[in-house]
């Protein structure tokens, strides 16, 4: 993303300037068209974007910019397009610093207000559940082990999802996704597939949930990266083999 964002796509001329140049904390800077579905009028059309310096802005149709966070992780749009979840980092945080404190927030495009969902820990990489009512996220500080957690968008029903009462060498240990951008949902079957790396071989993983987002099973599909669901319910991902990139397709029952 360039250091400025033209707002012509919002129906107005002009732009909002954003300074920076630091490498993003997220895998890439994000620009989300949070226009929503029915019930969100055109005059509430909002674009949410992250600058290269990791500032997070919301810009309405009139070009009015609202600073949501001086430093944030990648913003994630809810399934209905009405809310944006993000991890708010300390204002003094710089790319490359360890994340020791981060709190999840949800921005409502209908009201223009943000609500804090979690507090006091290192909560990052939110991922919306398919129903749009809950978030999966990553935290190490909460349990002392890098794990997935879940929480309702309202901040209630906070629970650990993976790696409860286990160590990194336990056979039940489930590694976290590299980031929220590597997580892919099969909404009909409540299954996520993700990778622990981005553009190099890592572990491609599957987690199946029940209706309450409790883990039913978690396992590896093998070495690779960049997994995606196909229209017929299989998973395809890339794997580097002897200097060549090959495509693997796997059935997930």
Foldseek 3Di string as FASTA:
>chain_A
DDQWDALVVLVDGDTDGHDDDAAALEPDKDKDFLQFDPPRDSQLTWIWTAGRFQWIWIATSHGDIDTPELHWYHWDAFPRSFKIKIWHADNPDGPPDDQFFIWIWMAGSRVRDIDTQDGDGRWGQWDAANVRFKTWTWGCGVQVHTFIWMATNNNPDTDTAADDPHDPPDPRHDDDACHNVQWDAPNVQQKIWGFNDAAAWGWIKMFGADPVRHTPDIDTPDIFHRWDADPVQWIWTWHQDPNDIDIDIGHDD
